[in-house]
Amino acid sequence: MPSVRFKSYLHLHLIVFVWGFTGVLGELISVGSAEKVWYRMSIAFVLVGIYVWYKKISLRIPLKLLLIFLLCGFVIALHWVAFFEAIEVSNV
């Protein structure tokens, strides 16, 4: 049975690989930056929605918190659009 430390290192390396591979895939995909982010958000929305539905998790939150989440999501989406746009204009 692998130790907890080994599993942690394995997870760390997997995450670094996936994060590093995001740029490579971003360069290979011929869709525009905004479209890439839209598709990524749509896929994540559907998968999280299926998980929430399957686990029967309640998503009731106060309106103020919802607005904060929406603002944070907008900032993160802008970050991803800028990231993919930077990859398109660079020479990876």
PDB file of N, CA and C in Angstrom:
ATOM      1  N   MET A   1       0.854  -1.186   0.000  1.00  0.00           N
ATOM      2  CA  MET A   1       0.000   0.000   0.000  1.00  0.00           C
ATOM      3  C   MET A   1       0.892   1.238   0.000  1.00  0.00           C
ATOM      4  N   PRO A   2       0.705   2.142  -0.973  1.00  0.00           N
ATOM      5  CA  PRO A   2       1.542   3.343  -1.014  1.00  0.00           C
ATOM      6  C   PRO A   2       1.303   4.236   0.195  1.00  0.00           C
ATOM      7  N   SER A   3       2.364   4.901   0.615  1.00  0.00           N
ATOM      8  CA  SER A   3       2.255   5.780   1.768  1.00  0.00           C
ATOM      9  C   SER A   3       1.520   7.062   1.390  1.00  0.00           C
ATOM     10  N   VAL A   4       1.101   7.792   2.404  1.00  0.00           N
ATOM     11  CA  VAL A   4       0.415   9.062   2.185  1.00  0.00           C
ATOM     12  C   VAL A   4       1.356  10.046   1.500  1.00  0.00           C
ATOM     13  N   ARG A   5       2.620  10.026   1.883  1.00  0.00           N
ATOM     14  CA  ARG A   5       3.602  10.930   1.286  1.00  0.00           C
ATOM     15  C   ARG A   5       3.772  10.635  -0.209  1.00  0.00           C
ATOM     16  N   PHE A   6       3.841   9.363  -0.573  1.00  0.00           N
ATOM     17  CA  PHE A   6       3.964   8.981  -1.974  1.00  0.00           C
ATOM     18  C   PHE A   6       2.741   9.437  -2.767  1.00  0.00           C
ATOM     19  N   LYS A   7       1.544   9.241  -2.208  1.00  0.00           N
ATOM     20  CA  LYS A   7       0.315   9.667  -2.888  1.00  0.00           C
ATOM     21  C   LYS A   7       0.305  11.180  -3.076  1.00  0.00           C
ATOM     22  N   SER A   8       0.776  11.898  -2.072  1.00  0.00           N
ATOM     23  CA  SER A   8       0.817  13.358  -2.176  1.00  0.00           C
ATOM     24  C   SER A   8       1.760  13.795  -3.287  1.00  0.00           C
ATOM     25  N   TYR A   9       2.933  13.177  -3.369  1.00  0.00           N
ATOM     26  CA  TYR A   9       3.872  13.495  -4.440  1.00  0.00           C
ATOM     27  C   TYR A   9       3.294  13.133  -5.812  1.00  0.00           C
ATOM     28  N   LEU A  10       2.619  12.010  -5.881  1.00  0.00           N
ATOM     29  CA  LEU A  10       2.004  11.600  -7.133  1.00  0.00           C
ATOM     30  C   LEU A  10       0.942  12.601  -7.573  1.00  0.00           C
ATOM     31  N   HIS A  11       0.102  13.035  -6.644  1.00  0.00           N
ATOM     32  CA  HIS A  11      -0.923  14.028  -6.959  1.00  0.00           C
ATOM     33  C   HIS A  11      -0.288  15.343  -7.394  1.00  0.00           C
ATOM     34  N   LEU A  12       0.761  15.758  -6.709  1.00  0.00           N
ATOM     35  CA  LEU A  12       1.444  17.000  -7.056  1.00  0.00           C
ATOM     36  C   LEU A  12       1.993  16.938  -8.482  1.00  0.00           C
ATOM     37  N   HIS A  13       2.641  15.841  -8.824  1.00  0.00           N
ATOM     38  CA  HIS A  13       3.197  15.702 -10.163  1.00  0.00           C
ATOM     39  C   HIS A  13       2.101  15.649 -11.224  1.00  0.00           C
ATOM     40  N   LEU A  14       1.007  14.985 -10.932  1.00  0.00           N
ATOM     41  CA  LEU A  14      -0.106  14.931 -11.866  1.00  0.00           C
ATOM     42  C   LEU A  14      -0.685  16.329 -12.099  1.00  0.00           C
ATOM     43  N   ILE A  15      -0.857  17.092 -11.049  1.00  0.00           N
ATOM     44  CA  ILE A  15      -1.399  18.441 -11.166  1.00  0.00           C
ATOM     45  C   ILE A  15      -0.462  19.333 -11.967  1.00  0.00           C
ATOM     46  N   VAL A  16       0.832  19.254 -11.696  1.00  0.00           N
ATOM     47  CA  VAL A  16       1.806  20.055 -12.444  1.00  0.00           C
ATOM     48  C   VAL A  16       1.774  19.673 -13.922  1.00  0.00           C
ATOM     49  N   PHE A  17       1.669  18.397 -14.215  1.00  0.00           N
ATOM     50  CA  PHE A  17       1.589  17.935 -15.611  1.00  0.00           C
ATOM     51  C   PHE A  17       0.333  18.482 -16.288  1.00  0.00           C
ATOM     52  N   VAL A  18      -0.796  18.386 -15.630  1.00  0.00           N
ATOM     53  CA  VAL A  18      -2.056  18.853 -16.219  1.00  0.00           C
ATOM     54  C   VAL A  18      -2.007  20.362 -16.431  1.00  0.00           C
ATOM     55  N   TRP A  19      -1.541  21.112 -15.438  1.00  0.00           N
ATOM     56  CA  TRP A  19      -1.451  22.570 -15.590  1.00  0.00           C
ATOM     57  C   TRP A  19      -0.488  22.942 -16.708  1.00  0.00           C
ATOM     58  N   GLY A  20       0.634  22.252 -16.802  1.00  0.00           N
ATOM     59  CA  GLY A  20       1.588  22.539 -17.865  1.00  0.00           C
ATOM     60  C   GLY A  20       1.060  22.167 -19.228  1.00  0.00           C
ATOM     61  N   PHE A  21       0.275  21.122 -19.290  1.00  0.00           N
ATOM     62  CA  PHE A  21      -0.272  20.647 -20.560  1.00  0.00           C
ATOM     63  C   PHE A  21      -1.388  21.547 -21.070  1.00  0.00           C
ATOM     64  N   THR A  22      -1.980  22.352 -20.186  1.00  0.00           N
ATOM     65  CA  THR A  22      -3.054  23.259 -20.589  1.00  0.00           C
ATOM     66  C   THR A  22      -2.576  24.219 -21.667  1.00  0.00           C
ATOM     67  N   GLY A  23      -1.372  24.756 -21.494  1.00  0.00           N
ATOM     68  CA  GLY A  23      -0.829  25.672 -22.489  1.00  0.00           C
ATOM     69  C   GLY A  23      -0.588  25.004 -23.824  1.00  0.00           C
ATOM     70  N   VAL A  24      -0.078  23.787 -23.795  1.00  0.00           N
ATOM     71  CA  VAL A  24       0.175  23.044 -25.031  1.00  0.00           C
ATOM     72  C   VAL A  24      -1.136  22.772 -25.761  1.00  0.00           C
ATOM     73  N   LEU A  25      -2.131  22.306 -25.041  1.00  0.00           N
ATOM     74  CA  LEU A  25      -3.433  22.067 -25.670  1.00  0.00           C
ATOM     75  C   LEU A  25      -4.059  23.357 -26.172  1.00  0.00           C
ATOM     76  N   GLY A  26      -3.868  24.445 -25.409  1.00  0.00           N
ATOM     77  CA  GLY A  26      -4.393  25.735 -25.835  1.00  0.00           C
ATOM     78  C   GLY A  26      -3.803  26.179 -27.152  1.00  0.00           C
ATOM     79  N   GLU A  27      -2.537  25.860 -27.382  1.00  0.00           N
ATOM     80  CA  GLU A  27      -1.894  26.199 -28.646  1.00  0.00           C
ATOM     81  C   GLU A  27      -2.403  25.309 -29.783  1.00  0.00           C
ATOM     82  N   LEU A  28      -2.659  24.051 -29.496  1.00  0.00           N
ATOM     83  CA  LEU A  28      -3.069  23.110 -30.535  1.00  0.00           C
ATOM     84  C   LEU A  28      -4.523  23.270 -30.967  1.00  0.00           C
ATOM     85  N   ILE A  29      -5.366  23.747 -30.084  1.00  0.00           N
ATOM     86  CA  ILE A  29      -6.791  23.910 -30.399  1.00  0.00           C
ATOM     87  C   ILE A  29      -6.960  25.188 -31.213  1.00  0.00           C
ATOM     88  N   SER A  30      -7.620  25.087 -32.350  1.00  0.00           N
ATOM     89  CA  SER A  30      -7.699  26.213 -33.275  1.00  0.00           C
ATOM     90  C   SER A  30      -8.861  27.169 -33.006  1.00  0.00           C
ATOM     91  N   VAL A  31      -9.602  26.959 -31.960  1.00  0.00           N
ATOM     92  CA  VAL A  31     -10.724  27.832 -31.613  1.00  0.00           C
ATOM     93  C   VAL A  31     -10.176  29.075 -30.922  1.00  0.00           C
ATOM     94  N   GLY A  32     -10.883  30.188 -31.000  1.00  0.00           N
ATOM     95  CA  GLY A  32     -10.457  31.429 -30.366  1.00  0.00           C
ATOM     96  C   GLY A  32     -10.433  31.330 -28.847  1.00  0.00           C
ATOM     97  N   SER A  33      -9.767  32.293 -28.223  1.00  0.00           N
ATOM     98  CA  SER A  33      -9.580  32.272 -26.767  1.00  0.00           C
ATOM     99  C   SER A  33     -10.900  32.291 -25.997  1.00  0.00           C
ATOM    100  N   ALA A  34     -11.788  33.204 -26.374  1.00  0.00           N
ATOM    101  CA  ALA A  34     -13.066  33.307 -25.671  1.00  0.00           C
ATOM    102  C   ALA A  34     -13.892  32.035 -25.834  1.00  0.00           C
ATOM    103  N   GLU A  35     -13.834  31.442 -27.017  1.00  0.00           N
ATOM    104  CA  GLU A  35     -14.587  30.211 -27.250  1.00  0.00           C
ATOM    105  C   GLU A  35     -14.032  29.059 -26.418  1.00  0.00           C
ATOM    106  N   LYS A  36     -12.707  28.983 -26.311  1.00  0.00           N
ATOM    107  CA  LYS A  36     -12.095  27.928 -25.479  1.00  0.00           C
ATOM    108  C   LYS A  36     -12.583  28.031 -24.042  1.00  0.00           C
ATOM    109  N   VAL A  37     -12.579  29.254 -23.530  1.00  0.00           N
ATOM    110  CA  VAL A  37     -13.017  29.453 -22.145  1.00  0.00           C
ATOM    111  C   VAL A  37     -14.500  29.140 -22.018  1.00  0.00           C
ATOM    112  N   TRP A  38     -15.306  29.543 -22.980  1.00  0.00           N
ATOM    113  CA  TRP A  38     -16.743  29.247 -22.942  1.00  0.00           C
ATOM    114  C   TRP A  38     -16.996  27.744 -22.929  1.00  0.00           C
ATOM    115  N   TYR A  39     -16.286  27.004 -23.799  1.00  0.00           N
ATOM    116  CA  TYR A  39     -16.458  25.554 -23.842  1.00  0.00           C
ATOM    117  C   TYR A  39     -16.003  24.910 -22.531  1.00  0.00           C
ATOM    118  N   ARG A  40     -14.873  25.376 -21.995  1.00  0.00           N
ATOM    119  CA  ARG A  40     -14.380  24.834 -20.724  1.00  0.00           C
ATOM    120  C   ARG A  40     -15.385  25.067 -19.600  1.00  0.00           C
ATOM    121  N   MET A  41     -15.936  26.282 -19.548  1.00  0.00           N
ATOM    122  CA  MET A  41     -16.912  26.597 -18.499  1.00  0.00           C
ATOM    123  C   MET A  41     -18.191  25.780 -18.687  1.00  0.00           C
ATOM    124  N   SER A  42     -18.596  25.583 -19.931  1.00  0.00           N
ATOM    125  CA  SER A  42     -19.815  24.805 -20.198  1.00  0.00           C
ATOM    126  C   SER A  42     -19.636  23.352 -19.778  1.00  0.00           C
ATOM    127  N   ILE A  43     -18.489  22.774 -20.122  1.00  0.00           N
ATOM    128  CA  ILE A  43     -18.223  21.386 -19.735  1.00  0.00           C
ATOM    129  C   ILE A  43     -18.175  21.261 -18.217  1.00  0.00           C
ATOM    130  N   ALA A  44     -17.491  22.200 -17.555  1.00  0.00           N
ATOM    131  CA  ALA A  44     -17.410  22.165 -16.092  1.00  0.00           C
ATOM    132  C   ALA A  44     -18.792  22.330 -15.470  1.00  0.00           C
ATOM    133  N   PHE A  45     -19.600  23.246 -16.014  1.00  0.00           N
ATOM    134  CA  PHE A  45     -20.947  23.480 -15.497  1.00  0.00           C
ATOM    135  C   PHE A  45     -21.790  22.208 -15.578  1.00  0.00           C
ATOM    136  N   VAL A  46     -21.730  21.537 -16.708  1.00  0.00           N
ATOM    137  CA  VAL A  46     -22.523  20.311 -16.895  1.00  0.00           C
ATOM    138  C   VAL A  46     -22.032  19.211 -15.950  1.00  0.00           C
ATOM    139  N   LEU A  47     -20.717  19.013 -15.872  1.00  0.00           N
ATOM    140  CA  LEU A  47     -20.188  17.947 -15.010  1.00  0.00           C
ATOM    141  C   LEU A  47     -20.460  18.215 -13.531  1.00  0.00           C
ATOM    142  N   VAL A  48     -20.286  19.459 -13.097  1.00  0.00           N
ATOM    143  CA  VAL A  48     -20.595  19.790 -11.696  1.00  0.00           C
ATOM    144  C   VAL A  48     -22.095  19.660 -11.451  1.00  0.00           C
ATOM    145  N   GLY A  49     -22.895  20.071 -12.427  1.00  0.00           N
ATOM    146  CA  GLY A  49     -24.347  19.927 -12.289  1.00  0.00           C
ATOM    147  C   GLY A  49     -24.771  18.478 -12.146  1.00  0.00           C
ATOM    148  N   ILE A  50     -24.169  17.590 -12.933  1.00  0.00           N
ATOM    149  CA  ILE A  50     -24.468  16.165 -12.817  1.00  0.00           C
ATOM    150  C   ILE A  50     -24.058  15.645 -11.444  1.00  0.00           C
ATOM    151  N   TYR A  51     -22.886  16.059 -10.976  1.00  0.00           N
ATOM    152  CA  TYR A  51     -22.412  15.617  -9.662  1.00  0.00           C
ATOM    153  C   TYR A  51     -23.353  16.112  -8.556  1.00  0.00           C
ATOM    154  N   VAL A  52     -23.743  17.383  -8.623  1.00  0.00           N
ATOM    155  CA  VAL A  52     -24.641  17.951  -7.607  1.00  0.00           C
ATOM    156  C   VAL A  52     -25.990  17.236  -7.638  1.00  0.00           C
ATOM    157  N   TRP A  53     -26.482  16.964  -8.832  1.00  0.00           N
ATOM    158  CA  TRP A  53     -27.762  16.256  -8.960  1.00  0.00           C
ATOM    159  C   TRP A  53     -27.646  14.834  -8.412  1.00  0.00           C
ATOM    160  N   TYR A  54     -26.565  14.149  -8.745  1.00  0.00           N
ATOM    161  CA  TYR A  54     -26.367  12.771  -8.305  1.00  0.00           C
ATOM    162  C   TYR A  54     -26.240  12.681  -6.786  1.00  0.00           C
ATOM    163  N   LYS A  55     -25.498  13.616  -6.183  1.00  0.00           N
ATOM    164  CA  LYS A  55     -25.297  13.609  -4.728  1.00  0.00           C
ATOM    165  C   LYS A  55     -26.420  14.313  -3.974  1.00  0.00           C
ATOM    166  N   LYS A  56     -27.353  14.915  -4.710  1.00  0.00           N
ATOM    167  CA  LYS A  56     -28.483  15.640  -4.116  1.00  0.00           C
ATOM    168  C   LYS A  56     -28.010  16.730  -3.147  1.00  0.00           C
ATOM    169  N   ILE A  57     -27.061  17.536  -3.622  1.00  0.00           N
ATOM    170  CA  ILE A  57     -26.490  18.622  -2.823  1.00  0.00           C
ATOM    171  C   ILE A  57     -27.335  19.875  -3.016  1.00  0.00           C
ATOM    172  N   SER A  58     -27.685  20.538  -1.937  1.00  0.00           N
ATOM    173  CA  SER A  58     -28.461  21.773  -2.010  1.00  0.00           C
ATOM    174  C   SER A  58     -27.520  22.935  -2.367  1.00  0.00           C
ATOM    175  N   LEU A  59     -27.947  23.770  -3.293  1.00  0.00           N
ATOM    176  CA  LEU A  59     -27.144  24.912  -3.714  1.00  0.00           C
ATOM    177  C   LEU A  59     -27.767  26.240  -3.290  1.00  0.00           C
ATOM    178  N   ARG A  60     -28.559  26.228  -2.259  1.00  0.00           N
ATOM    179  CA  ARG A  60     -29.182  27.461  -1.789  1.00  0.00           C
ATOM    180  C   ARG A  60     -28.144  28.318  -1.077  1.00  0.00           C
ATOM    181  N   ILE A  61     -27.940  29.520  -1.629  1.00  0.00           N
ATOM    182  CA  ILE A  61     -27.008  30.462  -1.020  1.00  0.00           C
ATOM    183  C   ILE A  61     -27.644  31.849  -1.045  1.00  0.00           C
ATOM    184  N   PRO A  62     -27.221  32.728  -0.141  1.00  0.00           N
ATOM    185  CA  PRO A  62     -27.768  34.096  -0.147  1.00  0.00           C
ATOM    186  C   PRO A  62     -27.407  34.835  -1.441  1.00  0.00           C
ATOM    187  N   LEU A  63     -28.237  35.783  -1.819  1.00  0.00           N
ATOM    188  CA  LEU A  63     -28.041  36.539  -3.050  1.00  0.00           C
ATOM    189  C   LEU A  63     -26.694  37.258  -3.052  1.00  0.00           C
ATOM    190  N   LYS A  64     -26.298  37.829  -1.915  1.00  0.00           N
ATOM    191  CA  LYS A  64     -25.028  38.548  -1.837  1.00  0.00           C
ATOM    192  C   LYS A  64     -23.857  37.607  -2.152  1.00  0.00           C
ATOM    193  N   LEU A  65     -23.900  36.412  -1.617  1.00  0.00           N
ATOM    194  CA  LEU A  65     -22.844  35.441  -1.878  1.00  0.00           C
ATOM    195  C   LEU A  65     -22.853  35.003  -3.346  1.00  0.00           C
ATOM    196  N   LEU A  66     -24.031  34.871  -3.929  1.00  0.00           N
ATOM    197  CA  LEU A  66     -24.133  34.530  -5.346  1.00  0.00           C
ATOM    198  C   LEU A  66     -23.480  35.607  -6.212  1.00  0.00           C
ATOM    199  N   LEU A  67     -23.717  36.870  -5.877  1.00  0.00           N
ATOM    200  CA  LEU A  67     -23.106  37.962  -6.639  1.00  0.00           C
ATOM    201  C   LEU A  67     -21.591  37.953  -6.498  1.00  0.00           C
ATOM    202  N   ILE A  68     -21.096  37.635  -5.313  1.00  0.00           N
ATOM    203  CA  ILE A  68     -19.650  37.532  -5.101  1.00  0.00           C
ATOM    204  C   ILE A  68     -19.082  36.393  -5.939  1.00  0.00           C
ATOM    205  N   PHE A  69     -19.757  35.260  -5.958  1.00  0.00           N
ATOM    206  CA  PHE A  69     -19.316  34.120  -6.777  1.00  0.00           C
ATOM    207  C   PHE A  69     -19.298  34.486  -8.255  1.00  0.00           C
ATOM    208  N   LEU A  70     -20.329  35.190  -8.718  1.00  0.00           N
ATOM    209  CA  LEU A  70     -20.389  35.591 -10.121  1.00  0.00           C
ATOM    210  C   LEU A  70     -19.248  36.543 -10.468  1.00  0.00           C
ATOM    211  N   LEU A  71     -18.939  37.465  -9.578  1.00  0.00           N
ATOM    212  CA  LEU A  71     -17.831  38.389  -9.809  1.00  0.00           C
ATOM    213  C   LEU A  71     -16.497  37.636  -9.859  1.00  0.00           C
ATOM    214  N   CYS A  72     -16.303  36.717  -8.936  1.00  0.00           N
ATOM    215  CA  CYS A  72     -15.078  35.906  -8.939  1.00  0.00           C
ATOM    216  C   CYS A  72     -14.992  35.062 -10.206  1.00  0.00           C
ATOM    217  N   GLY A  73     -16.087  34.475 -10.628  1.00  0.00           N
ATOM    218  CA  GLY A  73     -16.105  33.690 -11.850  1.00  0.00           C
ATOM    219  C   GLY A  73     -15.777  34.528 -13.068  1.00  0.00           C
ATOM    220  N   PHE A  74     -16.266  35.764 -13.096  1.00  0.00           N
ATOM    221  CA  PHE A  74     -15.965  36.663 -14.203  1.00  0.00           C
ATOM    222  C   PHE A  74     -14.474  36.984 -14.249  1.00  0.00           C
ATOM    223  N   VAL A  75     -13.877  37.259 -13.100  1.00  0.00           N
ATOM    224  CA  VAL A  75     -12.440  37.553 -13.042  1.00  0.00           C
ATOM    225  C   VAL A  75     -11.621  36.333 -13.479  1.00  0.00           C
ATOM    226  N   ILE A  76     -12.021  35.147 -13.035  1.00  0.00           N
ATOM    227  CA  ILE A  76     -11.307  33.920 -13.427  1.00  0.00           C
ATOM    228  C   ILE A  76     -11.459  33.681 -14.924  1.00  0.00           C
ATOM    229  N   ALA A  77     -12.647  33.913 -15.474  1.00  0.00           N
ATOM    230  CA  ALA A  77     -12.849  33.755 -16.915  1.00  0.00           C
ATOM    231  C   ALA A  77     -11.974  34.733 -17.694  1.00  0.00           C
ATOM    232  N   LEU A  78     -11.879  35.976 -17.228  1.00  0.00           N
ATOM    233  CA  LEU A  78     -10.990  36.943 -17.878  1.00  0.00           C
ATOM    234  C   LEU A  78      -9.538  36.468 -17.842  1.00  0.00           C
ATOM    235  N   HIS A  79      -9.151  35.902 -16.716  1.00  0.00           N
ATOM    236  CA  HIS A  79      -7.789  35.367 -16.600  1.00  0.00           C
ATOM    237  C   HIS A  79      -7.548  34.294 -17.653  1.00  0.00           C
ATOM    238  N   TRP A  80      -8.491  33.363 -17.806  1.00  0.00           N
ATOM    239  CA  TRP A  80      -8.307  32.282 -18.765  1.00  0.00           C
ATOM    240  C   TRP A  80      -8.306  32.783 -20.199  1.00  0.00           C
ATOM    241  N   VAL A  81      -9.150  33.769 -20.501  1.00  0.00           N
ATOM    242  CA  VAL A  81      -9.147  34.340 -21.845  1.00  0.00           C
ATOM    243  C   VAL A  81      -7.791  34.985 -22.118  1.00  0.00           C
ATOM    244  N   ALA A  82      -7.280  35.749 -21.144  1.00  0.00           N
ATOM    245  CA  ALA A  82      -5.966  36.378 -21.315  1.00  0.00           C
ATOM    246  C   ALA A  82      -4.869  35.321 -21.449  1.00  0.00           C
ATOM    247  N   PHE A  83      -4.960  34.247 -20.690  1.00  0.00           N
ATOM    248  CA  PHE A  83      -3.972  33.168 -20.754  1.00  0.00           C
ATOM    249  C   PHE A  83      -3.944  32.538 -22.141  1.00  0.00           C
ATOM    250  N   PHE A  84      -5.103  32.170 -22.668  1.00  0.00           N
ATOM    251  CA  PHE A  84      -5.149  31.534 -23.978  1.00  0.00           C
ATOM    252  C   PHE A  84      -4.794  32.524 -25.087  1.00  0.00           C
ATOM    253  N   GLU A  85      -5.150  33.780 -24.923  1.00  0.00           N
ATOM    254  CA  GLU A  85      -4.774  34.787 -25.911  1.00  0.00           C
ATOM    255  C   GLU A  85      -3.258  34.970 -25.924  1.00  0.00           C
ATOM    256  N   ALA A  86      -2.632  34.960 -24.751  1.00  0.00           N
ATOM    257  CA  ALA A  86      -1.178  35.084 -24.671  1.00  0.00           C
ATOM    258  C   ALA A  86      -0.490  33.888 -25.343  1.00  0.00           C
ATOM    259  N   ILE A  87      -1.068  32.726 -25.191  1.00  0.00           N
ATOM    260  CA  ILE A  87      -0.506  31.544 -25.838  1.00  0.00           C
ATOM    261  C   ILE A  87      -0.610  31.656 -27.360  1.00  0.00           C
ATOM    262  N   GLU A  88      -1.741  32.187 -27.844  1.00  0.00           N
ATOM    263  CA  GLU A  88      -1.921  32.321 -29.292  1.00  0.00           C
ATOM    264  C   GLU A  88      -0.932  33.306 -29.905  1.00  0.00           C
ATOM    265  N   VAL A  89      -0.626  34.393 -29.206  1.00  0.00           N
ATOM    266  CA  VAL A  89       0.258  35.397 -29.782  1.00  0.00           C
ATOM    267  C   VAL A  89       1.736  35.091 -29.519  1.00  0.00           C
ATOM    268  N   SER A  90       2.018  34.172 -28.621  1.00  0.00           N
ATOM    269  CA  SER A  90       3.413  33.823 -28.337  1.00  0.00           C
ATOM    270  C   SER A  90       3.884  32.719 -29.281  1.00  0.00           C
ATOM    271  N   ASN A  91       5.144  32.374 -29.177  1.00  0.00           N
ATOM    272  CA  ASN A  91       5.677  31.295 -30.007  1.00  0.00           C
ATOM    273  C   ASN A  91       6.068  30.119 -29.119  1.00  0.00           C
ATOM    274  N   VAL A  92       5.042  29.427 -28.648  1.00  0.00           N
ATOM    275  CA  VAL A  92       5.248  28.290 -27.759  1.00  0.00           C
ATOM    276  C   VAL A  92       5.960  27.183 -28.531  1.00  0.00           C
TER     277      VAL A  92
END
